Amino acid sequence: MISASKTTNRMSASRQTWRCDMNNIKIVHVVAKDRQNCIGKANDLAWHIPADLKHFKEMTTGGVIVMGRKTFESLGRPLPNRTHHVITRDTAWTADGVAVAHDLPTAIKSAKADATRLGKDRIFVIGGGEIYRQSLSMADILEITEVDLDVQGDTHYPTIGNEFKEIWRSEQQTDDKSGIAFEFTTWQRQS
């Protein structure tokens, strides 16, 4: 027979392990931006680059994604094979297939819990501009597609500070249809 104190200690150890695992979950920004940090125009992408959409899909499929309500609504529906966390100030807002949070810390905590449950080591923040701005100080990794354009958009990615270092850059590619040049980059927070 197990005593109550042994059960309590075992439960505490289990909770501590879970908390520790949750704390090890990386926060990854996934974004495509132009030379002036523009990421969107009129609640939509300012360009169409199939290779970037494929890159996004490969990175996030099977994972946990966090976004603002406007970004979710611009998608038109939940993306297949992903766990969605949507942030909105509207306490009456709901959508099928998503977890709703009313502030960033709650969304991040809930997303990390889902990632832990799913055995994932990261969550993906996918927009929009305000969510990126609020979460940049929490981010561990930035997966940025740098698009060689200057778009007059209305939504921008925040300026990346010295706390991040670029650790990888692809060769420049050009979209066959549009002629738009772009590169994939990875930035990591420095200790």
C-alpha atoms as a PDB file:
ATOM      1  CA  MET A   1       0.000   0.000   0.000  1.00  0.00           C
ATOM      2  CA  ILE A   2       1.288   3.468  -0.896  1.00  0.00           C
ATOM      3  CA  SER A   3       1.141   6.078   1.802  1.00  0.00           C
ATOM      4  CA  ALA A   4      -0.473   9.472   1.139  1.00  0.00           C
ATOM      5  CA  SER A   5       2.879  11.242   1.533  1.00  0.00           C
ATOM      6  CA  LYS A   6       4.542   8.981  -1.071  1.00  0.00           C
ATOM      7  CA  THR A   7       1.647   9.604  -3.472  1.00  0.00           C
ATOM      8  CA  THR A   8       1.899  13.358  -2.908  1.00  0.00           C
ATOM      9  CA  ASN A   9       5.664  13.291  -3.471  1.00  0.00           C
ATOM     10  CA  ARG A  10       5.226  11.252  -6.639  1.00  0.00           C
ATOM     11  CA  MET A  11       2.577  13.682  -7.914  1.00  0.00           C
ATOM     12  CA  SER A  12       4.809  16.650  -7.078  1.00  0.00           C
ATOM     13  CA  ALA A  13       7.714  15.082  -8.936  1.00  0.00           C
ATOM     14  CA  SER A  14       5.434  14.409 -11.896  1.00  0.00           C
ATOM     15  CA  ARG A  15       4.226  18.030 -11.929  1.00  0.00           C
ATOM     16  CA  GLN A  16       7.809  19.304 -11.676  1.00  0.00           C
ATOM     17  CA  THR A  17       8.858  17.131 -14.623  1.00  0.00           C
ATOM     18  CA  TRP A  18       5.921  18.420 -16.661  1.00  0.00           C
ATOM     19  CA  ARG A  19       6.749  22.020 -15.740  1.00  0.00           C
ATOM     20  CA  CYS A  20      10.386  21.442 -16.628  1.00  0.00           C
ATOM     21  CA  ASP A  21       9.421  19.918 -19.990  1.00  0.00           C
ATOM     22  CA  MET A  22       7.065  22.819 -20.677  1.00  0.00           C
ATOM     23  CA  ASN A  23       9.840  25.294 -19.908  1.00  0.00           C
ATOM     24  CA  ASN A  24      12.072  23.578 -22.477  1.00  0.00           C
ATOM     25  CA  ILE A  25       9.573  24.158 -25.282  1.00  0.00           C
ATOM     26  CA  LYS A  26      11.062  26.621 -27.782  1.00  0.00           C
ATOM     27  CA  ILE A  27       9.051  29.553 -29.115  1.00  0.00           C
ATOM     28  CA  VAL A  28       9.670  29.923 -32.843  1.00  0.00           C
ATOM     29  CA  HIS A  29       8.529  32.844 -34.990  1.00  0.00           C
ATOM     30  CA  VAL A  30       7.736  31.860 -38.571  1.00  0.00           C
ATOM     31  CA  VAL A  31       7.446  34.892 -40.841  1.00  0.00           C
ATOM     32  CA  ALA A  32       8.077  36.154 -44.349  1.00  0.00           C
ATOM     33  CA  LYS A  33       9.090  39.811 -44.549  1.00  0.00           C
ATOM     34  CA  ASP A  34      10.360  42.247 -47.137  1.00  0.00           C
ATOM     35  CA  ARG A  35      13.419  44.507 -46.947  1.00  0.00           C
ATOM     36  CA  GLN A  36      11.494  47.039 -44.819  1.00  0.00           C
ATOM     37  CA  ASN A  37      10.026  44.362 -42.465  1.00  0.00           C
ATOM     38  CA  CYS A  38       6.606  44.487 -44.164  1.00  0.00           C
ATOM     39  CA  ILE A  39       4.694  41.244 -43.606  1.00  0.00           C
ATOM     40  CA  GLY A  40       1.252  42.102 -44.901  1.00  0.00           C
ATOM     41  CA  LYS A  41      -1.152  44.384 -46.645  1.00  0.00           C
ATOM     42  CA  ALA A  42      -4.916  44.613 -46.021  1.00  0.00           C
ATOM     43  CA  ASN A  43      -4.851  41.502 -43.776  1.00  0.00           C
ATOM     44  CA  ASP A  44      -3.211  39.340 -46.426  1.00  0.00           C
ATOM     45  CA  LEU A  45       0.278  38.394 -47.576  1.00  0.00           C
ATOM     46  CA  ALA A  46       1.792  41.025 -49.835  1.00  0.00           C
ATOM     47  CA  TRP A  47       3.212  38.375 -52.228  1.00  0.00           C
ATOM     48  CA  HIS A  48       2.626  34.780 -53.274  1.00  0.00           C
ATOM     49  CA  ILE A  49       5.676  32.519 -53.187  1.00  0.00           C
ATOM     50  CA  PRO A  50       4.732  28.812 -53.388  1.00  0.00           C
ATOM     51  CA  ALA A  51       8.174  27.691 -52.108  1.00  0.00           C
ATOM     52  CA  ASP A  52       7.690  29.803 -48.972  1.00  0.00           C
ATOM     53  CA  LEU A  53       4.208  28.364 -48.391  1.00  0.00           C
ATOM     54  CA  LYS A  54       5.696  24.858 -48.786  1.00  0.00           C
ATOM     55  CA  HIS A  55       8.489  25.754 -46.327  1.00  0.00           C
ATOM     56  CA  PHE A  56       5.877  27.011 -43.823  1.00  0.00           C
ATOM     57  CA  LYS A  57       3.787  23.854 -44.252  1.00  0.00           C
ATOM     58  CA  GLU A  58       6.772  21.527 -43.778  1.00  0.00           C
ATOM     59  CA  MET A  59       7.859  23.398 -40.663  1.00  0.00           C
ATOM     60  CA  THR A  60       4.477  23.633 -38.917  1.00  0.00           C
ATOM     61  CA  THR A  61       2.575  20.479 -39.935  1.00  0.00           C
ATOM     62  CA  GLY A  62       1.951  18.296 -36.898  1.00  0.00           C
ATOM     63  CA  GLY A  63       2.861  21.177 -34.599  1.00  0.00           C
ATOM     64  CA  VAL A  64       1.240  23.775 -32.389  1.00  0.00           C
ATOM     65  CA  ILE A  65       0.656  27.245 -33.859  1.00  0.00           C
ATOM     66  CA  VAL A  66      -0.194  30.530 -32.118  1.00  0.00           C
ATOM     67  CA  MET A  67      -1.690  33.512 -33.933  1.00  0.00           C
ATOM     68  CA  GLY A  68      -3.905  36.535 -33.580  1.00  0.00           C
ATOM     69  CA  ARG A  69      -7.568  36.468 -34.589  1.00  0.00           C
ATOM     70  CA  LYS A  70      -7.045  38.515 -37.769  1.00  0.00           C
ATOM     71  CA  THR A  71      -4.340  36.111 -38.938  1.00  0.00           C
ATOM     72  CA  PHE A  72      -6.633  33.160 -38.240  1.00  0.00           C
ATOM     73  CA  GLU A  73      -9.493  34.789 -40.137  1.00  0.00           C
ATOM     74  CA  SER A  74      -7.191  35.532 -43.093  1.00  0.00           C
ATOM     75  CA  LEU A  75      -6.486  31.783 -43.335  1.00  0.00           C
ATOM     76  CA  GLY A  76     -10.190  31.090 -43.803  1.00  0.00           C
ATOM     77  CA  ARG A  77     -10.133  27.866 -41.785  1.00  0.00           C
ATOM     78  CA  PRO A  78      -7.920  25.906 -39.411  1.00  0.00           C
ATOM     79  CA  LEU A  79      -4.822  24.586 -41.165  1.00  0.00           C
ATOM     80  CA  PRO A  80      -4.794  20.782 -41.430  1.00  0.00           C
ATOM     81  CA  ASN A  81      -2.747  18.688 -39.002  1.00  0.00           C
ATOM     82  CA  ARG A  82      -1.901  21.508 -36.607  1.00  0.00           C
ATOM     83  CA  THR A  83      -3.108  22.503 -33.143  1.00  0.00           C
ATOM     84  CA  HIS A  84      -4.355  26.110 -33.264  1.00  0.00           C
ATOM     85  CA  HIS A  85      -4.223  28.731 -30.498  1.00  0.00           C
ATOM     86  CA  VAL A  86      -5.874  32.041 -31.389  1.00  0.00           C
ATOM     87  CA  ILE A  87      -5.528  35.251 -29.373  1.00  0.00           C
ATOM     88  CA  THR A  88      -8.383  37.749 -29.353  1.00  0.00           C
ATOM     89  CA  ARG A  89      -9.613  40.503 -27.055  1.00  0.00           C
ATOM     90  CA  ASP A  90     -13.205  39.628 -28.015  1.00  0.00           C
ATOM     91  CA  THR A  91     -14.423  37.434 -25.153  1.00  0.00           C
ATOM     92  CA  ALA A  92     -17.410  36.240 -27.224  1.00  0.00           C
ATOM     93  CA  TRP A  93     -15.307  35.081 -30.196  1.00  0.00           C
ATOM     94  CA  THR A  94     -15.136  31.347 -30.899  1.00  0.00           C
ATOM     95  CA  ALA A  95     -14.146  29.141 -33.812  1.00  0.00           C
ATOM     96  CA  ASP A  96     -14.307  25.416 -34.362  1.00  0.00           C
ATOM     97  CA  GLY A  97     -11.027  23.567 -34.027  1.00  0.00           C
ATOM     98  CA  VAL A  98      -9.105  26.226 -32.096  1.00  0.00           C
ATOM     99  CA  ALA A  99      -8.178  27.031 -28.512  1.00  0.00           C
ATOM    100  CA  VAL A 100      -9.026  30.662 -27.762  1.00  0.00           C
ATOM    101  CA  ALA A 101      -7.018  32.860 -25.388  1.00  0.00           C
ATOM    102  CA  HIS A 102      -7.531  36.504 -24.525  1.00  0.00           C
ATOM    103  CA  ASP A 103      -3.883  37.397 -23.930  1.00  0.00           C
ATOM    104  CA  LEU A 104      -0.483  36.262 -25.130  1.00  0.00           C
ATOM    105  CA  PRO A 105       0.812  34.678 -21.882  1.00  0.00           C
ATOM    106  CA  THR A 106      -2.292  32.474 -21.621  1.00  0.00           C
ATOM    107  CA  ALA A 107      -1.991  31.411 -25.269  1.00  0.00           C
ATOM    108  CA  ILE A 108       1.717  30.584 -24.901  1.00  0.00           C
ATOM    109  CA  LYS A 109       1.133  28.576 -21.719  1.00  0.00           C
ATOM    110  CA  SER A 110      -1.717  26.633 -23.324  1.00  0.00           C
ATOM    111  CA  ALA A 111       0.261  26.057 -26.542  1.00  0.00           C
ATOM    112  CA  LYS A 112       3.274  24.800 -24.577  1.00  0.00           C
ATOM    113  CA  ALA A 113       1.011  22.408 -22.664  1.00  0.00           C
ATOM    114  CA  ASP A 114      -0.314  21.050 -25.970  1.00  0.00           C
ATOM    115  CA  ALA A 115       3.225  20.745 -27.360  1.00  0.00           C
ATOM    116  CA  THR A 116       4.282  18.809 -24.255  1.00  0.00           C
ATOM    117  CA  ARG A 117       1.245  16.533 -24.578  1.00  0.00           C
ATOM    118  CA  LEU A 118       2.068  15.935 -28.254  1.00  0.00           C
ATOM    119  CA  GLY A 119       5.779  15.336 -27.585  1.00  0.00           C
ATOM    120  CA  LYS A 120       6.858  18.439 -29.526  1.00  0.00           C
ATOM    121  CA  ASP A 121       9.841  20.601 -28.573  1.00  0.00           C
ATOM    122  CA  ARG A 122       8.569  23.896 -30.024  1.00  0.00           C
ATOM    123  CA  ILE A 123       5.539  26.038 -30.730  1.00  0.00           C
ATOM    124  CA  PHE A 124       5.205  28.312 -33.754  1.00  0.00           C
ATOM    125  CA  VAL A 125       4.057  31.927 -33.584  1.00  0.00           C
ATOM    126  CA  ILE A 126       2.716  32.772 -37.052  1.00  0.00           C
ATOM    127  CA  GLY A 127       1.401  36.343 -36.756  1.00  0.00           C
ATOM    128  CA  GLY A 128       0.216  38.945 -37.053  1.00  0.00           C
ATOM    129  CA  GLY A 129       2.320  42.000 -36.475  1.00  0.00           C
ATOM    130  CA  GLU A 130       1.119  42.782 -32.956  1.00  0.00           C
ATOM    131  CA  ILE A 131       1.512  39.160 -31.815  1.00  0.00           C
ATOM    132  CA  TYR A 132       5.057  39.097 -33.219  1.00  0.00           C
ATOM    133  CA  ARG A 133       5.843  42.377 -31.458  1.00  0.00           C
ATOM    134  CA  GLN A 134       4.495  41.172 -28.099  1.00  0.00           C
ATOM    135  CA  SER A 135       6.208  37.774 -28.295  1.00  0.00           C
ATOM    136  CA  LEU A 136       9.624  38.712 -29.731  1.00  0.00           C
ATOM    137  CA  SER A 137      11.104  39.009 -26.227  1.00  0.00           C
ATOM    138  CA  MET A 138       9.970  35.400 -25.537  1.00  0.00           C
ATOM    139  CA  ALA A 139      11.123  33.917 -28.851  1.00  0.00           C
ATOM    140  CA  ASP A 140      14.047  31.496 -28.988  1.00  0.00           C
ATOM    141  CA  ILE A 141      14.275  31.026 -32.753  1.00  0.00           C
ATOM    142  CA  LEU A 142      13.214  33.142 -35.737  1.00  0.00           C
ATOM    143  CA  GLU A 143      12.527  31.339 -39.016  1.00  0.00           C
ATOM    144  CA  ILE A 144      12.428  34.233 -41.470  1.00  0.00           C
ATOM    145  CA  THR A 145      11.879  34.232 -45.195  1.00  0.00           C
ATOM    146  CA  GLU A 146      13.528  37.393 -46.468  1.00  0.00           C
ATOM    147  CA  VAL A 147      11.680  38.578 -49.565  1.00  0.00           C
ATOM    148  CA  ASP A 148      13.607  40.871 -51.909  1.00  0.00           C
ATOM    149  CA  LEU A 149      10.834  43.473 -52.281  1.00  0.00           C
ATOM    150  CA  ASP A 150       9.803  46.842 -50.883  1.00  0.00           C
ATOM    151  CA  VAL A 151       6.048  46.632 -50.348  1.00  0.00           C
ATOM    152  CA  GLN A 152       3.906  49.498 -49.104  1.00  0.00           C
ATOM    153  CA  GLY A 153       2.116  47.323 -46.564  1.00  0.00           C
ATOM    154  CA  ASP A 154       0.326  48.081 -43.330  1.00  0.00           C
ATOM    155  CA  THR A 155       1.690  45.329 -41.083  1.00  0.00           C
ATOM    156  CA  HIS A 156       5.348  45.003 -40.098  1.00  0.00           C
ATOM    157  CA  TYR A 157       7.627  42.614 -38.253  1.00  0.00           C
ATOM    158  CA  PRO A 158       9.526  44.201 -35.340  1.00  0.00           C
ATOM    159  CA  THR A 159      13.197  45.085 -35.707  1.00  0.00           C
ATOM    160  CA  ILE A 160      15.467  42.216 -34.676  1.00  0.00           C
ATOM    161  CA  GLY A 161      17.894  43.261 -31.959  1.00  0.00           C
ATOM    162  CA  ASN A 162      21.390  42.076 -31.073  1.00  0.00           C
ATOM    163  CA  GLU A 163      19.955  39.354 -28.848  1.00  0.00           C
ATOM    164  CA  PHE A 164      19.489  37.260 -32.019  1.00  0.00           C
ATOM    165  CA  LYS A 165      22.203  35.959 -34.313  1.00  0.00           C
ATOM    166  CA  GLU A 166      21.693  34.612 -37.797  1.00  0.00           C
ATOM    167  CA  ILE A 167      22.863  30.982 -37.786  1.00  0.00           C
ATOM    168  CA  TRP A 168      21.772  29.827 -41.247  1.00  0.00           C
ATOM    169  CA  ARG A 169      20.891  31.301 -44.632  1.00  0.00           C
ATOM    170  CA  SER A 170      19.801  29.454 -47.769  1.00  0.00           C
ATOM    171  CA  GLU A 171      21.018  30.325 -51.211  1.00  0.00           C
ATOM    172  CA  GLN A 172      18.913  32.985 -52.865  1.00  0.00           C
ATOM    173  CA  GLN A 173      16.028  31.511 -54.831  1.00  0.00           C
ATOM    174  CA  THR A 174      13.720  33.115 -57.379  1.00  0.00           C
ATOM    175  CA  ASP A 175      10.047  32.256 -57.738  1.00  0.00           C
ATOM    176  CA  ASP A 176       9.520  31.047 -61.325  1.00  0.00           C
ATOM    177  CA  LYS A 177       6.105  32.632 -61.740  1.00  0.00           C
ATOM    178  CA  SER A 178       6.531  36.035 -60.073  1.00  0.00           C
ATOM    179  CA  GLY A 179      10.288  36.513 -60.414  1.00  0.00           C
ATOM    180  CA  ILE A 180      10.476  37.421 -56.700  1.00  0.00           C
ATOM    181  CA  ALA A 181      13.830  36.603 -55.063  1.00  0.00           C
ATOM    182  CA  PHE A 182      13.916  35.296 -51.489  1.00  0.00           C
ATOM    183  CA  GLU A 183      16.084  33.509 -48.925  1.00  0.00           C
ATOM    184  CA  PHE A 184      15.246  31.367 -45.906  1.00  0.00           C
ATOM    185  CA  THR A 185      17.089  32.339 -42.712  1.00  0.00           C
ATOM    186  CA  THR A 186      17.269  31.053 -39.152  1.00  0.00           C
ATOM    187  CA  TRP A 187      18.084  33.305 -36.203  1.00  0.00           C
ATOM    188  CA  GLN A 188      18.763  32.091 -32.664  1.00  0.00           C
ATOM    189  CA  ARG A 189      18.604  33.931 -29.359  1.00  0.00           C
ATOM    190  CA  GLN A 190      22.075  34.338 -27.858  1.00  0.00           C
ATOM    191  CA  SER A 191      22.625  33.293 -24.238  1.00  0.00           C
END
